[in-house]
């Protein structure tokens, strides 16, 4: 089962929740849509890791599930927590 390293969470009663969500989505879309540039930037922090290994590593954690964990991701979180959290 996929398991996120982290989630962006916010209280539902925040006035600008839709704006926050849109900005986060735009940032993820920009990174995925400009993968070569994003990888070049990330390689500066790779501590000597080769480009092929870095690409493989990033692909494990930044992919379509980053945009939408879907039902499979929700099930993974439910299994981890042992209960069904309330998702927006």
C-alpha atoms as a PDB file:
ATOM      1  CA  UNK A   1       0.000   0.000   0.000  1.00  0.00           C
ATOM      2  CA  UNK A   2       1.262   3.514  -0.698  1.00  0.00           C
ATOM      3  CA  UNK A   3       2.033   5.573   2.365  1.00  0.00           C
ATOM      4  CA  UNK A   4       2.655   9.307   2.221  1.00  0.00           C
ATOM      5  CA  UNK A   5       5.679  10.763   3.926  1.00  0.00           C
ATOM      6  CA  UNK A   6       3.473  13.637   4.921  1.00  0.00           C
ATOM      7  CA  UNK A   7       0.248  15.410   4.131  1.00  0.00           C
ATOM      8  CA  UNK A   8      -0.746  19.022   3.917  1.00  0.00           C
ATOM      9  CA  UNK A   9      -3.516  19.485   6.425  1.00  0.00           C
ATOM     10  CA  UNK A  10      -5.521  22.520   7.399  1.00  0.00           C
ATOM     11  CA  UNK A  11      -8.609  23.226   9.421  1.00  0.00           C
ATOM     12  CA  UNK A  12     -11.718  23.308   7.281  1.00  0.00           C
ATOM     13  CA  UNK A  13     -12.905  26.551   8.837  1.00  0.00           C
ATOM     14  CA  UNK A  14      -9.955  28.580   7.541  1.00  0.00           C
ATOM     15  CA  UNK A  15     -11.171  31.488   5.432  1.00  0.00           C
ATOM     16  CA  UNK A  16      -8.825  30.894   2.511  1.00  0.00           C
ATOM     17  CA  UNK A  17      -8.557  27.101   2.529  1.00  0.00           C
ATOM     18  CA  UNK A  18      -9.359  26.876  -1.194  1.00  0.00           C
ATOM     19  CA  UNK A  19      -6.575  29.378  -1.940  1.00  0.00           C
ATOM     20  CA  UNK A  20      -4.052  27.405   0.123  1.00  0.00           C
ATOM     21  CA  UNK A  21      -5.083  24.198  -1.602  1.00  0.00           C
ATOM     22  CA  UNK A  22      -4.761  25.805  -5.035  1.00  0.00           C
ATOM     23  CA  UNK A  23      -1.280  27.174  -4.318  1.00  0.00           C
ATOM     24  CA  UNK A  24      -0.040  23.797  -3.053  1.00  0.00           C
ATOM     25  CA  UNK A  25      -1.525  22.088  -6.114  1.00  0.00           C
ATOM     26  CA  UNK A  26       0.103  24.640  -8.447  1.00  0.00           C
ATOM     27  CA  UNK A  27       3.487  24.075  -6.802  1.00  0.00           C
ATOM     28  CA  UNK A  28       3.227  20.298  -7.206  1.00  0.00           C
ATOM     29  CA  UNK A  29       2.032  20.662 -10.813  1.00  0.00           C
ATOM     30  CA  UNK A  30       4.948  23.002 -11.544  1.00  0.00           C
ATOM     31  CA  UNK A  31       7.469  20.544 -10.144  1.00  0.00           C
ATOM     32  CA  UNK A  32       6.006  17.597 -12.024  1.00  0.00           C
ATOM     33  CA  UNK A  33       5.638  19.635 -15.210  1.00  0.00           C
ATOM     34  CA  UNK A  34       9.221  20.886 -15.053  1.00  0.00           C
ATOM     35  CA  UNK A  35      10.844  17.728 -13.796  1.00  0.00           C
ATOM     36  CA  UNK A  36      14.254  18.310 -15.388  1.00  0.00           C
ATOM     37  CA  UNK A  37      14.591  21.752 -13.815  1.00  0.00           C
ATOM     38  CA  UNK A  38      13.275  20.490 -10.479  1.00  0.00           C
ATOM     39  CA  UNK A  39      15.741  17.589 -10.506  1.00  0.00           C
ATOM     40  CA  UNK A  40      18.635  19.905 -11.366  1.00  0.00           C
ATOM     41  CA  UNK A  41      17.705  22.061  -8.369  1.00  0.00           C
ATOM     42  CA  UNK A  42      17.308  19.045  -6.078  1.00  0.00           C
ATOM     43  CA  UNK A  43      20.658  17.605  -7.128  1.00  0.00           C
ATOM     44  CA  UNK A  44      22.341  20.535  -5.383  1.00  0.00           C
ATOM     45  CA  UNK A  45      21.177  18.930  -2.124  1.00  0.00           C
ATOM     46  CA  UNK A  46      21.913  15.315  -3.124  1.00  0.00           C
ATOM     47  CA  UNK A  47      25.243  15.008  -1.316  1.00  0.00           C
ATOM     48  CA  UNK A  48      26.973  13.375  -4.255  1.00  0.00           C
ATOM     49  CA  UNK A  49      24.156  11.013  -5.313  1.00  0.00           C
ATOM     50  CA  UNK A  50      24.216  10.264  -9.040  1.00  0.00           C
ATOM     51  CA  UNK A  51      21.428  11.588 -11.268  1.00  0.00           C
ATOM     52  CA  UNK A  52      19.955   8.160 -12.039  1.00  0.00           C
ATOM     53  CA  UNK A  53      19.649   7.191  -8.370  1.00  0.00           C
ATOM     54  CA  UNK A  54      18.241  10.618  -7.511  1.00  0.00           C
ATOM     55  CA  UNK A  55      15.655  10.313 -10.273  1.00  0.00           C
ATOM     56  CA  UNK A  56      14.595   6.874  -9.044  1.00  0.00           C
ATOM     57  CA  UNK A  57      14.379   8.102  -5.446  1.00  0.00           C
ATOM     58  CA  UNK A  58      12.319  11.177  -6.340  1.00  0.00           C
ATOM     59  CA  UNK A  59       9.969   9.101  -8.515  1.00  0.00           C
ATOM     60  CA  UNK A  60       9.139   6.949  -5.475  1.00  0.00           C
ATOM     61  CA  UNK A  61       7.926   9.975  -3.530  1.00  0.00           C
ATOM     62  CA  UNK A  62       6.796  12.521  -6.121  1.00  0.00           C
ATOM     63  CA  UNK A  63       4.298  11.052  -8.551  1.00  0.00           C
ATOM     64  CA  UNK A  64       0.588  10.984  -9.399  1.00  0.00           C
ATOM     65  CA  UNK A  65      -0.209   9.992  -5.802  1.00  0.00           C
ATOM     66  CA  UNK A  66       1.310  13.322  -4.750  1.00  0.00           C
ATOM     67  CA  UNK A  67      -1.542  15.086  -6.523  1.00  0.00           C
ATOM     68  CA  UNK A  68      -4.283  12.713  -5.399  1.00  0.00           C
ATOM     69  CA  UNK A  69      -3.711   9.779  -3.092  1.00  0.00           C
ATOM     70  CA  UNK A  70      -7.023   8.322  -4.228  1.00  0.00           C
ATOM     71  CA  UNK A  71      -8.868   5.493  -2.583  1.00  0.00           C
ATOM     72  CA  UNK A  72      -5.715   3.376  -2.333  1.00  0.00           C
ATOM     73  CA  UNK A  73      -3.919   6.074  -0.352  1.00  0.00           C
ATOM     74  CA  UNK A  74      -6.902   6.592   1.922  1.00  0.00           C
ATOM     75  CA  UNK A  75      -7.027   2.854   2.611  1.00  0.00           C
ATOM     76  CA  UNK A  76      -3.311   2.870   3.444  1.00  0.00           C
ATOM     77  CA  UNK A  77      -3.811   5.669   5.985  1.00  0.00           C
ATOM     78  CA  UNK A  78      -6.819   3.900   7.496  1.00  0.00           C
ATOM     79  CA  UNK A  79      -4.781   0.713   7.918  1.00  0.00           C
ATOM     80  CA  UNK A  80      -1.905   2.622   9.487  1.00  0.00           C
ATOM     81  CA  UNK A  81      -4.118   4.513  11.922  1.00  0.00           C
ATOM     82  CA  UNK A  82      -6.477   1.647  12.633  1.00  0.00           C
ATOM     83  CA  UNK A  83      -9.516   3.857  12.009  1.00  0.00           C
ATOM     84  CA  UNK A  84     -11.114   5.849   9.208  1.00  0.00           C
ATOM     85  CA  UNK A  85     -10.161   9.541   9.472  1.00  0.00           C
ATOM     86  CA  UNK A  86     -12.407  12.217   7.999  1.00  0.00           C
ATOM     87  CA  UNK A  87     -10.983  13.411   4.658  1.00  0.00           C
ATOM     88  CA  UNK A  88     -12.041  16.557   2.846  1.00  0.00           C
END
